[in-house]
Amino acid sequence: MFYIYNANVVTPTKSIEKGALLTDGDKIKAVGPADSISCPEGATKIDAKGKYLVPGLIEMQLNGGFGNDFTANPDTIWTVAGELAQFGITTFLPTVITSTIANTAKARKVVTEGKPAGYKGCNPLGLHLEGPFLNPEKKGAHNEKYICTAKPENIEGWSPDTGVRLVTLAPEMPDAIPAIKTLSKRGVVVSAGHTQANYEESIAGFDAGITYGTHLFNAMPALHHRKPGLPGALLYDERVTVGIIVDGVHVHPSLIKVIWEAIGPKRMSSVTDSLAAMGLPPGSKCRLGDYDVIVTEKVCTLADGTISGAVISLDRGLRNLIEFTGCSLGEALETMTTTPARCLGLEGKIGSLETGAQADMVLLTKDYMVDSTIAGGELVYKG
């Protein structure tokens, strides 16, 4: 049980100066002005000293970190998860890119078998399977030899209960529309990405059950004023949430601000799409699936210069979004807390500081650096 006091509580919906929060086990028991919440006997007291107390961050697309790639070695998922609290992340979707169905099954097993003995860290919510049901013309850093169609046997048993939370696919490819309907009925979030879908094909995918778009502008047709394609459909259709990599490289900061003004935080999901390179210095080499990638200061590339993913952490993305758009802390947080929680069907359970929600929270300094992180009611990081 933690009693956090003398905090500036900030969420997408509230701001409380001199606030307090009380946890009970892995749930939030109370939050409000400090003079309205007393400290129970036996609770661990934390003096926030005026720092921001915010909901734990939710990362929807993370391929690995600290030299570990989830696709090349799914066994490292829990190793990386144990380190993510330093970035304010309390829940995330380990992302496995295009590989064999057998490798996907191995990753599912790693997630569903649960926490290793003695584990302390953030909580994987289930896999984000980015592929293998993609358009080869927009494969990016995915290995084309593993790309296939979403035939029923290839998605057999996929559901949140069996470790699959989100699937990125190309809606124009054979077998895609029936698969979208099947997966969405099972509770899997289906996303459009790595695709050549035109506007009409995109809307057909939304009608079938797609509710998310993977890394807007990247690995999809360019936005054209007479052929809006998937980017135009994602921005227009209010049924979908739009994932955006907020490193300032995958999408130019000026366009991030334009998108912010167009759709706002309720439909924008800030992600990093970071690789095993996250946490490694520039010049390092690491893996993404079957490929070696080169780490630069701002991005990862294949040997031929193809951008293969990001290197930033989600707290850096939070600071970037505030810088790029001029938005408030609460607005930026919405894209990393309540919006992804709602998209995943977990609204009110995670990404919230409301009573009854999972006890996931972060203390941020005045310049939005992570001071400490509580995940599932446990103090898992103290800077």
Protein backbone atom coordinates (compact mmCIF):
# COMPACT_ATOMS: atom_id res chain seq x y z
CA MET A 1 0.00 0.00 0.00
CA PHE A 2 1.40 3.39 -1.06
CA TYR A 3 0.32 6.84 0.05
CA ILE A 4 1.66 9.45 -2.36
CA TYR A 5 1.19 13.04 -1.26
CA ASN A 6 2.29 16.58 -2.11
CA ALA A 7 1.83 15.70 -5.79
CA ASN A 8 0.57 17.64 -8.78
CA VAL A 9 -1.86 15.06 -10.13
CA VAL A 10 -2.26 15.38 -13.91
CA THR A 11 -4.43 13.19 -16.14
CA PRO A 12 -6.21 13.83 -19.45
CA THR A 13 -9.31 14.87 -17.49
CA LYS A 14 -8.08 16.44 -14.24
CA SER A 15 -5.37 18.46 -12.56
CA ILE A 16 -5.05 18.54 -8.76
CA GLU A 17 -2.45 20.66 -7.03
CA LYS A 18 -1.27 19.29 -3.70
CA GLY A 19 -2.98 16.01 -4.48
CA ALA A 20 -2.67 12.57 -2.97
CA LEU A 21 -3.21 9.00 -4.11
CA LEU A 22 -3.65 5.79 -2.15
CA THR A 23 -3.12 2.29 -3.53
CA ASP A 24 -4.42 -0.97 -2.13
CA GLY A 25 -2.70 -3.99 -3.60
CA ASP A 26 -2.65 -3.63 -7.37
CA LYS A 27 -5.56 -1.15 -7.48
CA ILE A 28 -6.01 2.56 -6.84
CA LYS A 29 -8.12 3.07 -3.74
CA ALA A 30 -8.45 6.87 -3.68
CA VAL A 31 -7.20 10.00 -5.45
CA GLY A 32 -7.94 13.64 -4.74
CA PRO A 33 -6.77 16.68 -2.73
CA ALA A 34 -4.29 15.66 -0.04
CA ASP A 35 -6.47 17.01 2.76
CA SER A 36 -9.27 14.64 1.69
CA ILE A 37 -7.25 11.40 1.85
CA SER A 38 -5.61 10.22 5.05
CA CYS A 39 -2.63 7.89 5.24
CA PRO A 40 -3.58 4.49 6.69
CA GLU A 41 -1.36 2.89 9.27
CA GLY A 42 1.26 0.71 7.66
CA ALA A 43 1.16 2.42 4.24
CA THR A 44 4.46 3.36 2.59
CA LYS A 45 4.55 7.15 2.33
CA ILE A 46 6.03 8.84 -0.73
CA ASP A 47 6.52 12.61 -0.69
CA ALA A 48 6.19 13.67 -4.32
CA LYS A 49 7.70 17.08 -3.48
CA GLY A 50 5.52 18.80 -6.06
CA LYS A 51 6.34 16.45 -8.94
CA TYR A 52 3.70 15.47 -11.49
CA LEU A 53 1.83 12.26 -10.68
CA VAL A 54 0.50 10.85 -13.97
CA PRO A 55 -0.97 7.56 -15.23
CA GLY A 56 1.45 4.85 -16.32
CA LEU A 57 2.26 5.02 -20.03
CA ILE A 58 0.96 2.41 -22.50
CA GLU A 59 3.24 1.47 -25.42
CA MET A 60 1.36 -0.04 -28.37
CA GLN A 61 4.34 -0.85 -30.59
CA LEU A 62 7.73 -1.89 -29.22
CA ASN A 63 9.97 -4.36 -31.05
CA GLY A 64 12.57 -4.80 -28.33
CA GLY A 65 15.21 -2.90 -26.41
CA PHE A 66 18.63 -2.98 -24.76
CA GLY A 67 19.99 -5.19 -27.55
CA ASN A 68 17.09 -7.67 -27.44
CA ASP A 69 14.75 -8.23 -30.40
CA PHE A 70 11.41 -9.88 -29.70
CA THR A 71 11.14 -11.42 -33.17
CA ALA A 72 14.62 -12.91 -33.22
CA ASN A 73 14.28 -14.11 -29.62
CA PRO A 74 10.80 -14.00 -28.04
CA ASP A 75 12.27 -15.27 -24.76
CA THR A 76 13.63 -11.75 -24.14
CA ILE A 77 10.16 -10.19 -23.78
CA TRP A 78 10.21 -10.39 -19.99
CA THR A 79 13.84 -9.25 -19.82
CA VAL A 80 12.98 -6.05 -21.67
CA ALA A 81 9.69 -5.63 -19.80
CA GLY A 82 11.65 -5.55 -16.57
CA GLU A 83 13.59 -2.49 -17.76
CA LEU A 84 10.81 -0.40 -19.30
CA ALA A 85 9.66 1.25 -16.07
CA GLN A 86 12.61 3.64 -16.32
CA PHE A 87 10.74 5.20 -19.25
CA GLY A 88 7.43 5.46 -17.39
CA ILE A 89 5.96 2.50 -19.28
CA THR A 90 3.74 0.28 -17.14
CA THR A 91 1.94 -1.76 -19.83
CA PHE A 92 2.95 -2.52 -23.42
CA LEU A 93 2.43 -4.68 -26.49
CA PRO A 94 5.60 -6.62 -27.37
CA THR A 95 5.70 -6.38 -31.15
CA VAL A 96 6.72 -9.35 -33.30
CA ILE A 97 7.21 -8.57 -36.96
CA THR A 98 6.80 -10.87 -39.97
CA SER A 99 8.23 -14.29 -39.19
CA THR A 100 7.11 -17.90 -39.24
CA ILE A 101 3.80 -18.97 -37.73
CA ALA A 102 5.88 -21.24 -35.45
CA ASN A 103 7.88 -18.26 -34.15
CA THR A 104 4.64 -16.39 -33.51
CA ALA A 105 3.38 -19.36 -31.52
CA LYS A 106 6.58 -19.31 -29.44
CA ALA A 107 6.10 -15.61 -28.66
CA ARG A 108 2.48 -16.24 -27.67
CA LYS A 109 3.63 -18.94 -25.27
CA VAL A 110 6.18 -16.61 -23.66
CA VAL A 111 3.46 -14.03 -22.96
CA THR A 112 0.74 -16.43 -21.81
CA GLU A 113 2.97 -18.40 -19.45
CA GLY A 114 3.13 -15.27 -17.30
CA LYS A 115 5.69 -13.54 -15.16
CA PRO A 116 8.94 -15.32 -14.29
CA ALA A 117 9.58 -16.00 -10.60
CA GLY A 118 10.61 -12.86 -8.74
CA TYR A 119 9.71 -10.59 -11.65
CA LYS A 120 9.27 -6.84 -11.08
CA GLY A 121 8.49 -4.56 -13.98
CA CYS A 122 5.81 -3.52 -16.42
CA ASN A 123 3.06 -5.76 -17.74
CA PRO A 124 2.86 -7.15 -21.32
CA LEU A 125 -0.77 -6.96 -22.43
CA GLY A 126 -0.36 -9.44 -25.27
CA LEU A 127 1.42 -9.36 -28.59
CA HIS A 128 1.20 -6.86 -31.40
CA LEU A 129 1.73 -9.07 -34.45
CA GLU A 130 2.93 -6.73 -37.20
CA GLY A 131 2.62 -9.21 -40.04
CA PRO A 132 2.93 -11.65 -41.68
CA PHE A 133 -0.25 -10.66 -43.58
CA LEU A 134 1.27 -7.64 -45.34
CA ASN A 135 1.59 -6.31 -48.87
CA PRO A 136 5.09 -7.22 -50.14
CA GLU A 137 5.23 -3.87 -51.96
CA LYS A 138 5.27 -2.15 -48.57
CA LYS A 139 7.28 -4.70 -46.62
CA GLY A 140 9.81 -2.18 -45.29
CA ALA A 141 12.21 -4.10 -43.04
CA HIS A 142 10.04 -7.25 -43.03
CA ASN A 143 11.38 -10.42 -44.65
CA GLU A 144 9.26 -11.09 -47.74
CA LYS A 145 9.81 -14.86 -47.63
CA TYR A 146 7.55 -15.07 -44.55
CA ILE A 147 4.74 -12.88 -45.89
CA CYS A 148 1.55 -14.86 -46.44
CA THR A 149 -2.20 -14.42 -46.45
CA ALA A 150 -4.48 -14.58 -43.42
CA LYS A 151 -6.04 -17.93 -44.21
CA PRO A 152 -8.14 -19.40 -41.37
CA GLU A 153 -5.45 -21.91 -40.44
CA ASN A 154 -2.89 -19.09 -40.09
CA ILE A 155 -4.95 -17.28 -37.44
CA GLU A 156 -6.31 -20.37 -35.71
CA GLY A 157 -6.68 -19.77 -31.99
CA TRP A 158 -5.51 -16.15 -32.07
CA SER A 159 -7.20 -14.12 -29.33
CA PRO A 160 -6.28 -11.96 -26.33
CA ASP A 161 -6.58 -15.05 -24.12
CA THR A 162 -3.92 -16.81 -26.20
CA GLY A 163 -1.53 -13.87 -26.28
CA VAL A 164 -2.64 -11.92 -29.37
CA ARG A 165 -3.92 -8.42 -28.63
CA LEU A 166 -3.34 -6.54 -31.92
CA VAL A 167 -2.68 -7.62 -35.51
CA THR A 168 -1.40 -5.36 -38.29
CA LEU A 169 -2.35 -6.49 -41.80
CA ALA A 170 -2.93 -5.15 -45.31
CA PRO A 171 -6.71 -5.05 -45.88
CA GLU A 172 -6.47 -5.30 -49.68
CA MET A 173 -4.69 -8.66 -49.67
CA PRO A 174 -6.44 -12.03 -50.26
CA ASP A 175 -8.17 -13.49 -47.18
CA ALA A 176 -7.83 -10.20 -45.29
CA ILE A 177 -11.50 -9.18 -44.97
CA PRO A 178 -12.70 -12.53 -43.55
CA ALA A 179 -9.72 -12.53 -41.17
CA ILE A 180 -10.52 -9.00 -39.99
CA LYS A 181 -14.08 -10.06 -39.18
CA THR A 182 -12.93 -13.23 -37.39
CA LEU A 183 -10.20 -11.57 -35.32
CA SER A 184 -12.31 -8.60 -34.29
CA LYS A 185 -15.11 -10.93 -33.15
CA ARG A 186 -12.55 -12.65 -30.92
CA GLY A 187 -11.59 -9.32 -29.33
CA VAL A 188 -8.35 -8.80 -31.24
CA VAL A 189 -7.70 -5.21 -32.34
CA VAL A 190 -7.05 -5.24 -36.09
CA SER A 191 -4.89 -2.52 -37.65
CA ALA A 192 -4.16 -1.48 -41.22
CA GLY A 193 -0.49 -1.18 -42.08
CA HIS A 194 2.27 -2.14 -44.51
CA THR A 195 -0.28 -1.80 -47.25
CA GLN A 196 -1.08 -0.35 -50.67
CA ALA A 197 -4.77 -0.02 -49.83
CA ASN A 198 -6.61 2.76 -51.62
CA TYR A 199 -9.31 4.80 -49.93
CA GLU A 200 -12.15 2.43 -50.84
CA GLU A 201 -10.22 -0.67 -49.76
CA SER A 202 -9.36 1.06 -46.49
CA ILE A 203 -12.99 1.91 -45.73
CA ALA A 204 -13.97 -1.68 -46.56
CA GLY A 205 -11.41 -2.79 -43.97
CA PHE A 206 -12.89 -0.41 -41.40
CA ASP A 207 -16.36 -1.74 -42.17
CA ALA A 208 -15.07 -5.28 -41.54
CA GLY A 209 -13.63 -4.35 -38.14
CA ILE A 210 -10.32 -2.49 -38.45
CA THR A 211 -10.10 0.09 -35.63
CA TYR A 212 -6.43 1.13 -35.73
CA GLY A 213 -3.80 2.36 -38.18
CA THR A 214 -0.16 1.36 -37.75
CA HIS A 215 2.41 4.19 -37.93
CA LEU A 216 0.60 6.77 -40.06
CA PHE A 217 2.36 7.69 -43.34
CA ASN A 218 4.95 4.93 -42.96
CA ALA A 219 4.66 1.78 -45.11
CA MET A 220 1.49 2.99 -46.83
CA PRO A 221 0.63 5.03 -49.95
CA ALA A 222 1.42 8.73 -49.80
CA LEU A 223 -1.45 11.08 -49.10
CA HIS A 224 -2.66 12.60 -52.39
CA HIS A 225 -5.37 15.23 -52.73
CA ARG A 226 -7.28 13.16 -55.32
CA LYS A 227 -6.24 9.72 -54.06
CA PRO A 228 -6.30 9.94 -50.26
CA GLY A 229 -5.57 6.25 -49.78
CA LEU A 230 -5.15 4.79 -46.31
CA PRO A 231 -3.72 7.99 -44.76
CA GLY A 232 -6.76 9.97 -45.83
CA ALA A 233 -9.13 7.25 -44.66
CA LEU A 234 -7.44 7.03 -41.25
CA LEU A 235 -7.64 10.78 -40.72
CA TYR A 236 -11.23 11.02 -41.95
CA ASP A 237 -12.94 8.06 -40.32
CA GLU A 238 -13.73 8.56 -36.64
CA ARG A 239 -14.05 4.81 -36.06
CA VAL A 240 -10.27 4.36 -36.09
CA THR A 241 -7.41 5.35 -33.82
CA VAL A 242 -4.28 6.55 -35.56
CA GLY A 243 -0.83 5.38 -34.44
CA ILE A 244 1.96 7.91 -34.97
CA ILE A 245 5.69 7.49 -34.30
CA VAL A 246 6.64 10.60 -32.35
CA ASP A 247 10.41 10.63 -32.89
CA GLY A 248 10.31 13.56 -35.35
CA VAL A 249 11.98 11.42 -38.04
CA HIS A 250 9.32 8.95 -39.19
CA VAL A 251 6.90 11.88 -39.34
CA HIS A 252 8.15 15.45 -39.57
CA PRO A 253 7.34 17.56 -36.49
CA SER A 254 5.35 20.02 -38.58
CA LEU A 255 3.10 17.22 -39.83
CA ILE A 256 2.68 15.87 -36.32
CA LYS A 257 1.30 19.26 -35.36
CA VAL A 258 -1.01 19.26 -38.40
CA ILE A 259 -2.32 15.82 -37.47
CA TRP A 260 -2.73 16.94 -33.87
CA GLU A 261 -4.89 19.85 -34.98
CA ALA A 262 -6.87 17.57 -37.30
CA ILE A 263 -7.78 14.67 -35.01
CA GLY A 264 -6.69 15.62 -31.48
CA PRO A 265 -5.61 13.28 -28.68
CA LYS A 266 -8.77 11.16 -28.58
CA ARG A 267 -7.86 9.43 -31.86
CA MET A 268 -4.09 9.75 -31.74
CA SER A 269 -1.95 6.97 -30.29
CA SER A 270 1.66 7.99 -29.74
CA VAL A 271 4.09 5.10 -30.22
CA THR A 272 7.83 4.66 -30.62
CA ASP A 273 8.14 1.54 -32.84
CA SER A 274 11.55 1.28 -31.21
CA LEU A 275 13.82 -1.67 -31.83
CA ALA A 276 16.42 -3.60 -29.87
CA ALA A 277 18.47 -0.44 -30.42
CA MET A 278 16.52 1.45 -27.76
CA GLY A 279 18.95 2.05 -24.93
CA LEU A 280 22.04 1.42 -27.12
CA PRO A 281 24.50 4.14 -28.24
CA PRO A 282 24.74 5.39 -31.86
CA GLY A 283 26.95 3.18 -34.00
CA SER A 284 25.72 -0.01 -32.36
CA LYS A 285 24.43 -2.91 -34.42
CA CYS A 286 21.47 -5.06 -33.45
CA ARG A 287 18.80 -7.29 -34.98
CA LEU A 288 15.30 -6.78 -36.29
CA GLY A 289 13.95 -10.21 -37.13
CA ASP A 290 16.34 -11.64 -39.74
CA TYR A 291 18.18 -8.40 -40.44
CA ASP A 292 21.06 -6.44 -38.95
CA VAL A 293 20.18 -2.79 -38.32
CA ILE A 294 22.47 0.16 -37.72
CA VAL A 295 21.77 2.52 -34.83
CA THR A 296 22.06 6.26 -35.43
CA GLU A 297 21.29 9.07 -33.03
CA LYS A 298 17.66 9.36 -34.15
CA VAL A 299 16.68 6.22 -36.06
CA CYS A 300 17.64 2.68 -37.15
CA THR A 301 18.36 1.73 -40.76
CA LEU A 302 19.10 -1.38 -42.78
CA ALA A 303 22.45 -1.54 -44.59
CA ASP A 304 20.83 -0.01 -47.70
CA GLY A 305 19.57 3.00 -45.73
CA THR A 306 15.94 1.85 -45.39
CA ILE A 307 14.47 3.20 -42.15
CA SER A 308 13.66 0.16 -40.04
CA GLY A 309 12.45 1.63 -36.76
CA ALA A 310 13.03 4.12 -34.01
CA VAL A 311 15.37 4.34 -31.04
CA ILE A 312 13.49 6.68 -28.71
CA SER A 313 11.71 5.80 -25.48
CA LEU A 314 8.06 6.69 -24.86
CA ASP A 315 8.86 9.35 -22.25
CA ARG A 316 11.04 11.03 -24.88
CA GLY A 317 8.03 10.81 -27.20
CA LEU A 318 5.94 12.56 -24.54
CA ARG A 319 8.39 15.44 -24.40
CA ASN A 320 8.59 15.52 -28.21
CA LEU A 321 4.81 15.75 -28.59
CA ILE A 322 4.62 18.68 -26.20
CA GLU A 323 7.46 20.39 -28.05
CA PHE A 324 6.08 19.70 -31.56
CA THR A 325 2.46 20.68 -30.89
CA GLY A 326 2.51 23.04 -27.91
CA CYS A 327 -0.07 20.84 -26.19
CA SER A 328 -0.45 20.48 -22.44
CA LEU A 329 0.96 17.61 -20.41
CA GLY A 330 -2.54 16.23 -19.89
CA GLU A 331 -3.29 16.31 -23.62
CA ALA A 332 -0.01 14.57 -24.51
CA LEU A 333 -0.66 11.94 -21.84
CA GLU A 334 -4.02 11.15 -23.40
CA THR A 335 -2.28 9.76 -26.50
CA MET A 336 -0.29 7.34 -24.31
CA THR A 337 -2.87 6.43 -21.67
CA THR A 338 -6.63 6.72 -22.13
CA THR A 339 -6.62 6.63 -25.94
CA PRO A 340 -4.67 3.36 -26.27
CA ALA A 341 -6.58 1.91 -23.30
CA ARG A 342 -9.88 2.66 -25.05
CA CYS A 343 -8.57 1.28 -28.36
CA LEU A 344 -7.58 -1.96 -26.62
CA GLY A 345 -10.93 -2.28 -24.84
CA LEU A 346 -9.30 -1.64 -21.45
CA GLU A 347 -10.64 1.84 -20.71
CA GLY A 348 -10.85 2.50 -16.98
CA LYS A 349 -8.66 -0.51 -16.20
CA ILE A 350 -5.26 0.85 -17.25
CA GLY A 351 -3.92 4.29 -18.22
CA SER A 352 -6.03 5.95 -15.52
CA LEU A 353 -5.71 7.36 -12.02
CA GLU A 354 -9.34 6.74 -11.19
CA THR A 355 -10.46 4.69 -8.20
CA GLY A 356 -10.50 0.98 -9.06
CA ALA A 357 -8.04 1.23 -11.94
CA GLN A 358 -4.82 -0.76 -11.97
CA ALA A 359 -2.23 0.94 -9.76
CA ASP A 360 0.05 2.07 -12.60
CA MET A 361 1.53 5.56 -12.18
CA VAL A 362 4.61 7.67 -12.76
CA LEU A 363 6.19 10.60 -10.99
CA LEU A 364 7.60 13.10 -13.48
CA THR A 365 9.94 15.99 -12.75
CA LYS A 366 9.04 19.52 -13.82
CA ASP A 367 10.82 18.92 -17.14
CA TYR A 368 8.90 15.65 -17.66
CA MET A 369 11.71 13.25 -16.83
CA VAL A 370 10.80 9.99 -15.10
CA ASP A 371 11.51 10.06 -11.38
CA SER A 372 9.82 6.83 -10.30
CA THR A 373 7.30 4.28 -11.55
CA ILE A 374 4.73 2.09 -9.82
CA ALA A 375 3.30 -0.80 -11.86
CA GLY A 376 0.61 -3.10 -10.53
CA GLY A 377 0.98 -1.56 -7.09
CA GLU A 378 4.73 -2.23 -6.89
CA LEU A 379 7.53 0.34 -6.95
CA VAL A 380 9.48 -0.94 -9.96
CA TYR A 381 11.72 2.05 -10.71
CA LYS A 382 13.26 4.82 -8.63
CA GLY A 383 15.64 7.20 -10.41
